[in-house]
Amino acid sequence: MKGISLFLLLLSSSDVCFGFGTTIWKMREKIEQHKEKVFNEKLNQLGSPPPLKEHYIEQPMDHFDPAVKVTYQQRYWVNDAFWHDRLHGPVFLFIGGEGPLSARAAGEGEHVKLAETYGALVFAVEHRYYGNSINKDGLQLENLQYLSSQQALADLAAFHSFAVRAYNMSDQNRWISFGGSYPGSLSAWFRLKYPHLVYGAIASSAPVEALTNFEAYNEVVAASLSDPIVNGSKQCADSIRNAFETIDFLLAAKQYTKLGKDFKSCNDISQSEQDVNQLVSNLAGIFMGVVQYNDEGSELTITSVCQIMTATKDPYVNLMKLNSVRIKPGKKCAYNSWNMSIEQLRNTTVDPASFTGAMRQWIYQTCTQFGYYQSCDANTSCLFSSHMDLQSDLDICDIVYGIPNDEVYKRVAFTNAYYGSNQPKGTRIVFVNGSIDPWHALSVLKSQGTTETAIYIQGTAHCANMGEDKPGDLPQLTQARKDISHQVLQWLQEGKYEVDQKLHFKPMY
């Protein structure tokens, strides 16, 4: 992913801004920490009910080659609080993705509320190579070959077989999968590739189209920062664009010292073009991360960012002020170092609890399957610097993982051929997207028929529908959750009808 950074990693007495998606990772990490805190406080208020325990299932490292004897332990959680009819009750599968899961994945959220409504058993299954579902040597380059969406889907299929045996299930227990972002794609693909196992799928903010040069990401960011529905404005977007135009002018004039001072860079960015890329990407990442997770619990929102960016008539000064907000109190500077970023991605030490500790795995997946590199090309409406080019991302694939540029394009093309891109031709799949979320550009936005439908929510960001209803939700978000619930009910009714037909069907001999 593009070298972007908002929240910072601690190194010695300074903060370090690593690129390649750190903004999104650190913002997501803080959001998850906030949600975890709220969840635990809710449990305490309810009288501290027994916590959901974590369990493990042994999985083959390679489902497709029996000669590979290595296994790993996959973590999962079970919530059976609502599963009163074990003979007929449905099963809701929450799919993990590019980061650790916790008991909260089986304890709260839209899917848990639906489980309460429809009497479902809830499983939350962590993705291989993330969280605790990884061997100690899993990040070694030779072992990353077993990290793929195909292997992850095979894990889910094996988990399904295990759960059916462990809980004495039958075909009367209909399974529905849930996921958001990359797991949203997995949810859709699980239904697509294993339709005999999962009866329906909810795919939220699912970028099912793989794309090497994801220019549209920053075009949606630009549109979102201009959208009055989230308190964006043309004035805000113009100010951001003007600030980066000034930066590009100063870069062309080789004013590296001034830029480094103004934006509090710990290192001298004149040492390489890659360090320049880090600086502009880290600054752009403020806006990219805020748009993606707008109103999802982040410290900054589109409202607050636009207030800062329009506070004075000097966009460059406004951006300096916003940059100061991202640097932790008491810290004097932030690193914009390509070499430090590369070393971070080469780190093979497993860190199960950290979202940022999952960067090596996820960037590997982008190089081998998805692309998703968020460039700022001149022929687009991107507000940021033209120094944010595709080549720097492709260089990472080669330098860190030994995957040459042309191979990245080939693997991305194979992913689309294998899954069907944004026209997957599946059945009983609902794709849910928000207009503010940049990832909607790679999802399914129009219904492909009566059984592969799309819900598009104006004014919402990434995976907004996956939370529970709360005061202040946009009416269209509340309605979207009702529509999803209605679709789940319809699937369960259809499933029951099919079972009843089988039970009452008497063949004629």
Protein backbone atom coordinates (compact mmCIF):
# COMPACT_ATOMS: atom_id res chain seq x y z
CA MET A 1 0.00 0.00 0.00
CA LYS A 2 1.03 3.60 -0.44
CA GLY A 3 3.55 4.86 2.09
CA ILE A 4 1.24 6.74 4.41
CA SER A 5 1.42 7.44 8.12
CA LEU A 6 -0.57 9.34 10.74
CA PHE A 7 -0.06 7.76 14.11
CA LEU A 8 3.44 7.00 15.12
CA LEU A 9 5.63 4.19 16.34
CA LEU A 10 7.96 4.88 19.22
CA LEU A 11 11.70 4.71 18.70
CA SER A 12 14.11 6.10 21.29
CA SER A 13 13.10 9.70 22.09
CA SER A 14 11.34 10.36 18.77
CA ASP A 15 8.26 9.15 16.95
CA VAL A 16 8.73 7.12 13.80
CA CYS A 17 6.36 7.41 10.85
CA PHE A 18 6.57 4.24 8.86
CA GLY A 19 4.90 4.22 5.49
CA PHE A 20 3.05 1.58 3.54
CA GLY A 21 -0.32 1.97 5.22
CA THR A 22 0.74 2.78 8.79
CA THR A 23 -1.82 5.57 8.95
CA ILE A 24 -4.61 3.11 8.37
CA TRP A 25 -3.05 0.47 10.61
CA LYS A 26 -2.42 2.79 13.55
CA MET A 27 -5.76 4.52 13.18
CA ARG A 28 -7.49 1.16 13.04
CA GLU A 29 -5.48 -0.03 16.03
CA LYS A 30 -6.60 2.96 18.09
CA ILE A 31 -10.20 2.50 16.97
CA GLU A 32 -10.08 -1.18 17.92
CA GLN A 33 -8.57 -0.34 21.30
CA HIS A 34 -11.37 2.17 21.89
CA LYS A 35 -14.04 -0.34 20.89
CA GLU A 36 -12.43 -2.99 23.08
CA LYS A 37 -12.53 -0.63 26.05
CA VAL A 38 -16.19 0.23 25.44
CA PHE A 39 -17.04 -3.47 25.06
CA ASN A 40 -15.37 -4.38 28.34
CA GLU A 41 -17.07 -1.48 30.13
CA LYS A 42 -20.41 -2.72 28.80
CA LEU A 43 -19.70 -6.20 30.14
CA ASN A 44 -18.87 -4.75 33.55
CA GLN A 45 -22.11 -2.77 33.60
CA LEU A 46 -24.02 -5.97 32.84
CA GLY A 47 -22.50 -7.65 35.89
CA SER A 48 -19.38 -9.17 34.35
CA PRO A 49 -20.86 -12.16 32.48
CA PRO A 50 -18.42 -14.99 31.77
CA PRO A 51 -16.00 -13.90 29.03
CA LEU A 52 -16.04 -15.70 25.72
CA LYS A 53 -13.17 -18.15 25.77
CA GLU A 54 -10.73 -18.56 22.92
CA HIS A 55 -10.31 -21.97 21.31
CA TYR A 56 -7.94 -23.46 18.74
CA ILE A 57 -8.23 -25.88 15.87
CA GLU A 58 -5.27 -27.51 14.16
CA GLN A 59 -5.15 -26.63 10.47
CA PRO A 60 -2.90 -27.87 7.65
CA MET A 61 -0.44 -25.25 6.49
CA ASP A 62 -1.20 -26.30 2.92
CA HIS A 63 -4.70 -27.62 2.19
CA PHE A 64 -3.80 -28.40 -1.41
CA ASP A 65 -0.60 -30.42 -1.03
CA PRO A 66 -0.81 -33.37 1.38
CA ALA A 67 2.95 -33.78 1.16
CA VAL A 68 3.31 -30.65 3.33
CA LYS A 69 2.95 -31.97 6.88
CA VAL A 70 3.29 -28.64 8.72
CA THR A 71 0.26 -27.41 10.68
CA TYR A 72 -0.68 -24.34 12.68
CA GLN A 73 -3.20 -23.54 15.41
CA GLN A 74 -6.09 -21.33 14.28
CA ARG A 75 -7.83 -19.28 16.96
CA TYR A 76 -11.60 -18.91 17.19
CA TRP A 77 -14.39 -17.93 19.58
CA VAL A 78 -17.92 -19.27 20.12
CA ASN A 79 -21.01 -17.46 21.36
CA ASP A 80 -23.95 -19.82 21.93
CA ALA A 81 -25.99 -17.47 24.12
CA PHE A 82 -28.78 -17.19 21.54
CA TRP A 83 -28.61 -20.68 20.00
CA HIS A 84 -31.60 -22.21 21.76
CA ASP A 85 -32.84 -24.40 18.91
CA ARG A 86 -29.76 -26.47 18.20
CA LEU A 87 -31.55 -28.69 15.73
CA HIS A 88 -32.66 -25.91 13.39
CA GLY A 89 -30.87 -22.77 14.60
CA PRO A 90 -28.64 -20.94 12.10
CA VAL A 91 -24.90 -20.38 12.37
CA PHE A 92 -23.32 -16.96 11.79
CA LEU A 93 -19.64 -17.05 10.84
CA PHE A 94 -17.63 -13.86 11.45
CA ILE A 95 -14.48 -13.96 9.31
CA GLY A 96 -11.23 -12.42 10.53
CA GLY A 97 -8.79 -10.57 8.31
CA GLU A 98 -5.50 -8.69 8.31
CA GLY A 99 -5.15 -8.25 12.05
CA PRO A 100 -5.81 -9.95 15.40
CA LEU A 101 -9.32 -10.79 16.57
CA SER A 102 -10.58 -10.80 20.15
CA ALA A 103 -13.60 -12.10 22.01
CA ARG A 104 -15.42 -8.94 20.95
CA ALA A 105 -15.68 -10.38 17.43
CA ALA A 106 -18.13 -12.94 18.80
CA GLY A 107 -19.62 -10.67 21.46
CA GLU A 108 -20.88 -7.55 19.73
CA GLY A 109 -21.61 -6.02 16.35
CA GLU A 110 -24.31 -6.17 13.72
CA HIS A 111 -23.87 -9.92 13.26
CA VAL A 112 -24.31 -10.54 17.01
CA LYS A 113 -27.47 -8.45 17.13
CA LEU A 114 -28.78 -10.47 14.20
CA ALA A 115 -27.80 -13.67 16.02
CA GLU A 116 -29.86 -12.53 19.00
CA THR A 117 -32.81 -11.77 16.72
CA TYR A 118 -32.70 -15.05 14.80
CA GLY A 119 -31.35 -17.43 17.45
CA ALA A 120 -27.99 -18.10 15.81
CA LEU A 121 -24.76 -19.66 17.01
CA VAL A 122 -21.84 -17.26 16.43
CA PHE A 123 -18.31 -18.27 15.46
CA ALA A 124 -15.49 -15.76 15.03
CA VAL A 125 -12.48 -17.23 13.23
CA GLU A 126 -9.09 -15.53 13.02
CA HIS A 127 -7.27 -15.41 9.67
CA ARG A 128 -4.13 -17.51 9.27
CA TYR A 129 -0.85 -15.61 9.87
CA TYR A 130 -2.57 -12.91 11.97
CA GLY A 131 -3.05 -12.55 15.71
CA ASN A 132 -2.30 -15.83 17.46
CA SER A 133 -3.00 -17.91 14.35
CA ILE A 134 0.61 -18.07 13.22
CA ASN A 135 3.65 -20.23 13.93
CA LYS A 136 6.72 -18.61 15.45
CA ASP A 137 8.59 -18.90 12.17
CA GLY A 138 5.59 -17.83 10.10
CA LEU A 139 7.08 -14.53 8.93
CA GLN A 140 10.14 -16.13 7.40
CA LEU A 141 10.03 -15.47 3.66
CA GLU A 142 9.92 -19.17 2.75
CA ASN A 143 6.86 -19.65 4.97
CA LEU A 144 4.83 -16.73 3.61
CA GLN A 145 4.00 -18.83 0.54
CA TYR A 146 1.15 -20.40 2.54
CA LEU A 147 -0.50 -17.04 3.15
CA SER A 148 -3.24 -16.56 0.56
CA SER A 149 -6.97 -16.02 0.29
CA GLN A 150 -7.35 -19.49 -1.18
CA GLN A 151 -5.70 -21.10 1.84
CA ALA A 152 -7.81 -18.88 4.14
CA LEU A 153 -11.02 -20.03 2.46
CA ALA A 154 -9.89 -23.64 2.76
CA ASP A 155 -9.35 -22.98 6.48
CA LEU A 156 -12.98 -21.86 6.72
CA ALA A 157 -14.14 -24.97 4.89
CA ALA A 158 -12.16 -27.18 7.28
CA PHE A 159 -13.49 -25.21 10.24
CA HIS A 160 -17.03 -25.76 8.97
CA SER A 161 -16.49 -29.53 8.89
CA PHE A 162 -15.00 -29.44 12.38
CA ALA A 163 -17.87 -27.37 13.79
CA VAL A 164 -20.56 -29.54 12.21
CA ARG A 165 -19.06 -32.60 13.92
CA ALA A 166 -18.38 -30.87 17.25
CA TYR A 167 -21.89 -29.43 17.56
CA ASN A 168 -23.83 -32.29 15.95
CA MET A 169 -25.20 -30.08 13.17
CA SER A 170 -27.06 -31.02 10.03
CA ASP A 171 -28.12 -29.30 6.83
CA GLN A 172 -30.97 -27.79 8.85
CA ASN A 173 -28.42 -25.46 10.47
CA ARG A 174 -27.92 -22.85 7.76
CA TRP A 175 -24.63 -20.95 7.77
CA ILE A 176 -24.33 -17.26 6.91
CA SER A 177 -20.94 -15.54 6.72
CA PHE A 178 -20.09 -11.97 7.68
CA GLY A 179 -16.98 -9.89 7.01
CA GLY A 180 -15.84 -6.35 6.38
CA SER A 181 -13.06 -4.98 4.13
CA TYR A 182 -10.76 -7.85 3.05
CA PRO A 183 -12.83 -10.28 5.20
CA GLY A 184 -15.85 -8.88 3.36
CA SER A 185 -14.29 -10.17 0.16
CA LEU A 186 -13.60 -13.48 1.88
CA SER A 187 -17.24 -13.67 2.94
CA ALA A 188 -18.39 -13.23 -0.65
CA TRP A 189 -15.74 -15.62 -1.96
CA PHE A 190 -16.60 -18.26 0.63
CA ARG A 191 -20.15 -18.29 -0.69
CA LEU A 192 -18.85 -18.21 -4.27
CA LYS A 193 -16.36 -21.07 -3.92
CA TYR A 194 -18.07 -23.17 -1.21
CA PRO A 195 -21.81 -22.66 -1.81
CA HIS A 196 -22.58 -26.08 -0.34
CA LEU A 197 -21.19 -24.94 3.03
CA VAL A 198 -22.44 -21.38 3.47
CA TYR A 199 -26.02 -20.48 2.55
CA GLY A 200 -25.59 -16.70 2.31
CA ALA A 201 -22.97 -13.99 2.75
CA ILE A 202 -22.90 -10.38 3.92
CA ALA A 203 -19.88 -8.63 2.38
CA SER A 204 -19.30 -5.16 3.84
CA SER A 205 -16.86 -2.71 2.20
CA ALA A 206 -15.49 -5.64 0.21
CA PRO A 207 -12.86 -4.75 -2.44
CA VAL A 208 -13.49 -7.81 -4.59
CA GLU A 209 -11.76 -6.26 -7.61
CA ALA A 210 -7.99 -6.59 -7.35
CA LEU A 211 -6.18 -3.64 -8.93
CA THR A 212 -2.50 -2.82 -9.03
CA ASN A 213 -2.77 0.94 -9.52
CA PHE A 214 -5.69 1.95 -7.31
CA GLU A 215 -6.00 5.58 -8.46
CA ALA A 216 -9.68 5.73 -7.56
CA TYR A 217 -8.90 5.50 -3.83
CA ASN A 218 -7.63 9.06 -3.68
CA GLU A 219 -10.32 10.25 -6.06
CA VAL A 220 -12.94 9.10 -3.55
CA VAL A 221 -10.90 10.75 -0.78
CA ALA A 222 -11.05 14.03 -2.72
CA ALA A 223 -14.80 13.70 -3.29
CA SER A 224 -15.42 12.84 0.37
CA LEU A 225 -13.46 15.84 1.63
CA SER A 226 -15.71 17.97 -0.60
CA ASP A 227 -18.97 16.34 0.46
CA PRO A 228 -21.25 18.49 2.67
CA ILE A 229 -22.99 15.38 4.03
CA VAL A 230 -19.89 14.78 6.21
CA ASN A 231 -19.05 18.49 6.65
CA GLY A 232 -16.55 18.50 3.82
CA SER A 233 -16.44 21.39 1.37
CA LYS A 234 -14.89 22.58 -1.85
CA GLN A 235 -12.97 25.13 0.21
CA CYS A 236 -11.49 22.32 2.33
CA ALA A 237 -10.50 20.23 -0.69
CA ASP A 238 -9.01 23.25 -2.48
CA SER A 239 -6.98 24.14 0.60
CA ILE A 240 -5.54 20.62 0.78
CA ARG A 241 -4.71 20.64 -2.92
CA ASN A 242 -3.03 24.06 -2.64
CA ALA A 243 -0.97 22.95 0.36
CA PHE A 244 0.43 19.98 -1.57
CA GLU A 245 1.05 22.13 -4.64
CA THR A 246 3.21 24.33 -2.44
CA ILE A 247 5.05 21.28 -1.17
CA ASP A 248 5.69 20.08 -4.74
CA PHE A 249 6.94 23.57 -5.65
CA LEU A 250 9.37 23.54 -2.72
CA LEU A 251 10.53 20.05 -3.65
CA ALA A 252 11.21 21.17 -7.21
CA ALA A 253 13.25 24.03 -5.78
CA LYS A 254 15.10 21.51 -3.54
CA GLN A 255 13.97 23.28 -0.37
CA TYR A 256 14.42 20.12 1.65
CA THR A 257 15.63 21.85 4.79
CA LYS A 258 12.58 24.11 4.93
CA LEU A 259 10.19 21.22 4.35
CA GLY A 260 11.92 19.09 6.95
CA LYS A 261 11.70 21.90 9.50
CA ASP A 262 8.12 22.89 8.70
CA PHE A 263 6.84 19.33 8.93
CA LYS A 264 9.09 18.23 11.80
CA SER A 265 11.02 15.49 10.05
CA CYS A 266 13.63 13.79 12.23
CA ASN A 267 15.69 12.79 9.20
CA ASP A 268 17.07 14.76 6.27
CA ILE A 269 14.69 14.01 3.39
CA SER A 270 17.22 15.21 0.79
CA GLN A 271 19.05 11.89 1.01
CA SER A 272 16.76 10.09 -1.44
CA GLU A 273 13.63 10.44 -3.56
CA GLN A 274 12.16 7.63 -1.49
CA ASP A 275 12.41 9.76 1.66
CA VAL A 276 10.60 12.55 -0.19
CA ASN A 277 7.93 10.03 -1.04
CA GLN A 278 7.69 9.08 2.62
CA LEU A 279 7.17 12.69 3.70
CA VAL A 280 4.39 13.48 1.23
CA SER A 281 2.78 10.09 1.75
CA ASN A 282 2.81 10.49 5.53
CA LEU A 283 1.13 13.89 5.16
CA ALA A 284 -1.43 12.57 2.67
CA GLY A 285 -2.10 9.67 5.02
CA ILE A 286 -3.67 12.02 7.52
CA PHE A 287 -6.51 12.69 5.09
CA MET A 288 -6.69 9.18 3.67
CA GLY A 289 -7.03 7.59 7.09
CA VAL A 290 -9.52 10.15 8.36
CA VAL A 291 -11.78 9.65 5.33
CA GLN A 292 -11.64 5.86 5.49
CA TYR A 293 -12.58 5.74 9.18
CA ASN A 294 -14.64 8.91 9.44
CA ASP A 295 -16.79 8.94 12.61
CA GLU A 296 -15.65 5.42 13.53
CA GLY A 297 -13.90 6.44 16.75
CA SER A 298 -10.80 8.16 15.41
CA GLU A 299 -9.47 11.29 17.10
CA LEU A 300 -9.74 13.19 13.81
CA THR A 301 -12.77 13.38 11.52
CA ILE A 302 -13.48 15.05 8.20
CA THR A 303 -15.17 17.80 10.20
CA SER A 304 -12.14 18.54 12.41
CA VAL A 305 -9.63 18.17 9.56
CA CYS A 306 -11.53 20.61 7.36
CA GLN A 307 -11.78 23.05 10.24
CA ILE A 308 -8.00 23.04 10.58
CA MET A 309 -7.39 23.21 6.82
CA THR A 310 -9.62 26.28 6.45
CA ALA A 311 -8.60 28.04 9.66
CA THR A 312 -6.35 30.58 7.89
CA LYS A 313 -5.93 31.80 4.33
CA ASP A 314 -2.58 29.98 4.04
CA PRO A 315 -3.15 26.27 3.19
CA TYR A 316 0.51 25.43 3.75
CA VAL A 317 0.40 26.82 7.30
CA ASN A 318 -2.85 24.96 7.93
CA LEU A 319 -1.21 21.69 6.89
CA MET A 320 1.72 22.41 9.21
CA LYS A 321 -0.77 22.76 12.06
CA LEU A 322 -2.54 19.53 11.13
CA ASN A 323 0.78 17.71 10.93
CA SER A 324 1.58 18.87 14.46
CA VAL A 325 -1.63 17.23 15.65
CA ARG A 326 -0.43 13.82 14.44
CA ILE A 327 2.84 14.02 16.39
CA LYS A 328 2.44 12.87 19.95
CA PRO A 329 2.63 15.52 22.69
CA GLY A 330 6.17 15.91 23.93
CA LYS A 331 7.71 14.53 20.73
CA LYS A 332 9.72 16.87 18.58
CA CYS A 333 9.72 15.15 15.22
CA ALA A 334 8.71 12.19 13.08
CA TYR A 335 10.84 10.07 10.78
CA ASN A 336 10.19 9.93 7.05
CA SER A 337 12.71 7.25 6.22
CA TRP A 338 12.40 4.74 3.40
CA ASN A 339 15.18 2.56 4.80
CA MET A 340 13.52 2.37 8.21
CA SER A 341 10.24 1.43 6.56
CA ILE A 342 11.91 -1.34 4.58
CA GLU A 343 13.55 -2.71 7.70
CA GLN A 344 10.17 -2.70 9.44
CA LEU A 345 8.70 -4.82 6.65
CA ARG A 346 11.68 -7.19 6.77
CA ASN A 347 11.16 -7.82 10.48
CA THR A 348 10.25 -11.48 10.98
CA THR A 349 9.44 -11.25 14.70
CA VAL A 350 5.84 -12.30 15.34
CA ASP A 351 3.78 -9.73 17.30
CA PRO A 352 0.35 -11.35 17.80
CA ALA A 353 -1.43 -8.47 19.54
CA SER A 354 -0.51 -5.64 17.20
CA PHE A 355 -2.23 -4.44 14.04
CA THR A 356 0.96 -2.71 12.89
CA GLY A 357 2.79 -5.98 13.56
CA ALA A 358 0.74 -7.47 10.73
CA MET A 359 2.10 -5.15 8.04
CA ARG A 360 4.64 -7.64 6.68
CA GLN A 361 1.91 -10.20 6.09
CA TRP A 362 -0.59 -7.83 4.51
CA ILE A 363 1.87 -6.13 2.18
CA TYR A 364 2.92 -9.61 1.06
CA GLN A 365 -0.71 -10.36 0.22
CA THR A 366 -0.99 -7.16 -1.81
CA CYS A 367 2.14 -8.13 -3.77
CA THR A 368 0.96 -11.68 -4.44
CA GLN A 369 -2.78 -11.20 -4.94
CA PHE A 370 -4.40 -7.79 -4.71
CA GLY A 371 -2.29 -4.74 -5.52
CA TYR A 372 -4.45 -1.96 -4.03
CA TYR A 373 -1.62 0.60 -4.31
CA GLN A 374 -2.99 4.09 -3.79
CA SER A 375 -1.17 6.40 -6.17
CA CYS A 376 -1.66 10.09 -6.92
CA ASP A 377 -1.35 10.31 -10.69
CA ALA A 378 -1.54 13.57 -12.61
CA ASN A 379 -4.58 12.56 -14.66
CA THR A 380 -6.78 12.10 -11.56
CA SER A 381 -8.58 14.31 -9.05
CA CYS A 382 -6.11 13.35 -6.30
CA LEU A 383 -5.44 16.26 -3.92
CA PHE A 384 -1.95 15.21 -2.91
CA SER A 385 1.58 15.12 -4.29
CA SER A 386 2.54 13.56 -7.61
CA HIS A 387 5.55 12.09 -5.80
CA MET A 388 3.13 9.43 -4.50
CA ASP A 389 3.71 7.14 -7.44
CA LEU A 390 2.97 3.49 -8.12
CA GLN A 391 6.59 2.51 -8.64
CA SER A 392 7.56 2.97 -4.99
CA ASP A 393 4.97 0.39 -3.99
CA LEU A 394 6.08 -2.05 -6.66
CA ASP A 395 9.67 -1.58 -5.48
CA ILE A 396 8.62 -2.84 -2.04
CA CYS A 397 7.38 -6.10 -3.53
CA ASP A 398 10.74 -6.64 -5.22
CA ILE A 399 13.03 -5.43 -2.43
CA VAL A 400 11.26 -7.07 0.52
CA TYR A 401 9.70 -10.20 -1.02
CA GLY A 402 11.62 -10.76 -4.25
CA ILE A 403 8.50 -10.35 -6.41
CA PRO A 404 9.32 -8.42 -9.63
CA ASN A 405 6.99 -5.75 -11.05
CA ASP A 406 5.58 -7.81 -13.90
CA GLU A 407 4.79 -10.68 -11.53
CA VAL A 408 2.64 -8.39 -9.37
CA TYR A 409 0.49 -7.52 -12.39
CA LYS A 410 0.16 -11.19 -13.34
CA ARG A 411 -0.90 -12.25 -9.86
CA VAL A 412 -3.46 -9.46 -9.59
CA ALA A 413 -4.90 -10.51 -12.94
CA PHE A 414 -5.13 -14.11 -11.74
CA THR A 415 -7.05 -13.03 -8.61
CA ASN A 416 -9.67 -11.33 -10.77
CA ALA A 417 -9.89 -14.33 -13.09
CA TYR A 418 -10.23 -16.70 -10.12
CA TYR A 419 -12.93 -14.78 -8.21
CA GLY A 420 -14.65 -12.78 -10.93
CA SER A 421 -13.54 -9.27 -9.93
CA ASN A 422 -16.51 -6.93 -9.30
CA GLN A 423 -18.86 -9.23 -11.22
CA PRO A 424 -18.42 -12.45 -9.24
CA LYS A 425 -21.64 -14.13 -10.46
CA GLY A 426 -22.57 -15.47 -7.06
CA THR A 427 -25.92 -16.03 -5.37
CA ARG A 428 -27.27 -15.02 -1.96
CA ILE A 429 -24.57 -12.37 -1.44
CA VAL A 430 -25.23 -8.83 -0.20
CA PHE A 431 -22.54 -6.21 -0.86
CA VAL A 432 -22.75 -3.24 1.51
CA ASN A 433 -20.79 -0.04 0.86
CA GLY A 434 -20.63 3.57 2.00
CA SER A 435 -20.21 6.55 -0.32
CA ILE A 436 -17.42 8.08 1.81
CA ASP A 437 -15.36 4.88 1.96
CA PRO A 438 -12.59 4.89 -0.70
CA TRP A 439 -12.74 1.10 -0.95
CA HIS A 440 -16.24 1.15 -2.43
CA ALA A 441 -14.58 1.85 -5.79
CA LEU A 442 -13.48 -1.82 -5.94
CA SER A 443 -16.69 -3.39 -4.71
CA VAL A 444 -20.06 -4.33 -6.20
CA LEU A 445 -22.24 -1.21 -6.19
CA LYS A 446 -25.18 -2.37 -8.29
CA SER A 447 -27.26 -5.49 -7.81
CA GLN A 448 -26.25 -8.23 -10.23
CA GLY A 449 -29.65 -9.89 -10.03
CA THR A 450 -32.22 -10.82 -7.43
CA THR A 451 -29.81 -12.94 -5.37
CA GLU A 452 -26.60 -10.88 -5.59
CA THR A 453 -27.64 -7.49 -4.29
CA ALA A 454 -25.96 -4.21 -3.39
CA ILE A 455 -26.70 -1.70 -0.63
CA TYR A 456 -25.06 1.71 -1.06
CA ILE A 457 -25.22 4.05 1.94
CA GLN A 458 -24.75 7.76 1.38
CA GLY A 459 -22.50 9.48 3.93
CA THR A 460 -20.93 6.46 5.62
CA ALA A 461 -17.34 5.28 5.74
CA HIS A 462 -15.55 1.92 5.90
CA CYS A 463 -17.63 -0.96 7.33
CA ALA A 464 -20.00 1.47 9.08
CA ASN A 465 -22.92 -0.95 8.91
CA MET A 466 -21.07 -3.57 10.94
CA GLY A 467 -21.54 -1.73 14.22
CA GLU A 468 -24.66 -1.81 16.35
CA ASP A 469 -27.27 0.96 16.16
CA LYS A 470 -26.38 4.02 18.19
CA PRO A 471 -27.79 7.51 18.69
CA GLY A 472 -26.75 9.87 15.94
CA ASP A 473 -26.60 7.24 13.19
CA LEU A 474 -27.65 8.53 9.80
CA PRO A 475 -31.20 7.39 8.90
CA GLN A 476 -29.88 5.70 5.76
CA LEU A 477 -27.41 3.69 7.86
CA THR A 478 -30.18 2.55 10.18
CA GLN A 479 -32.29 1.59 7.17
CA ALA A 480 -29.38 -0.34 5.64
CA ARG A 481 -29.10 -2.47 8.77
CA LYS A 482 -32.83 -3.16 8.59
CA ASP A 483 -32.46 -4.17 4.95
CA ILE A 484 -29.63 -6.53 5.85
CA SER A 485 -31.70 -8.05 8.65
CA HIS A 486 -34.63 -8.53 6.28
CA GLN A 487 -32.36 -10.28 3.78
CA VAL A 488 -30.99 -12.60 6.46
CA LEU A 489 -34.53 -13.45 7.54
CA GLN A 490 -35.50 -14.17 3.94
CA TRP A 491 -32.53 -16.51 3.52
CA LEU A 492 -33.39 -18.38 6.70
CA GLN A 493 -36.98 -18.76 5.60
CA GLU A 494 -35.86 -20.03 2.20
CA GLY A 495 -33.50 -22.48 3.87
CA LYS A 496 -36.24 -23.78 6.13
CA TYR A 497 -38.55 -24.19 3.16
CA GLU A 498 -35.93 -26.19 1.27
CA VAL A 499 -35.37 -28.48 4.25
CA ASP A 500 -39.13 -28.97 4.70
CA GLN A 501 -39.46 -29.86 1.04
CA LYS A 502 -36.74 -32.50 1.36
CA LEU A 503 -38.33 -33.97 4.48
CA HIS A 504 -41.75 -34.24 2.89
CA PHE A 505 -40.63 -35.31 -0.56
CA LYS A 506 -41.44 -38.94 -1.26
CA PRO A 507 -39.93 -40.34 -4.44
CA MET A 508 -42.16 -42.44 -6.67
CA TYR A 509 -40.88 -45.90 -7.60
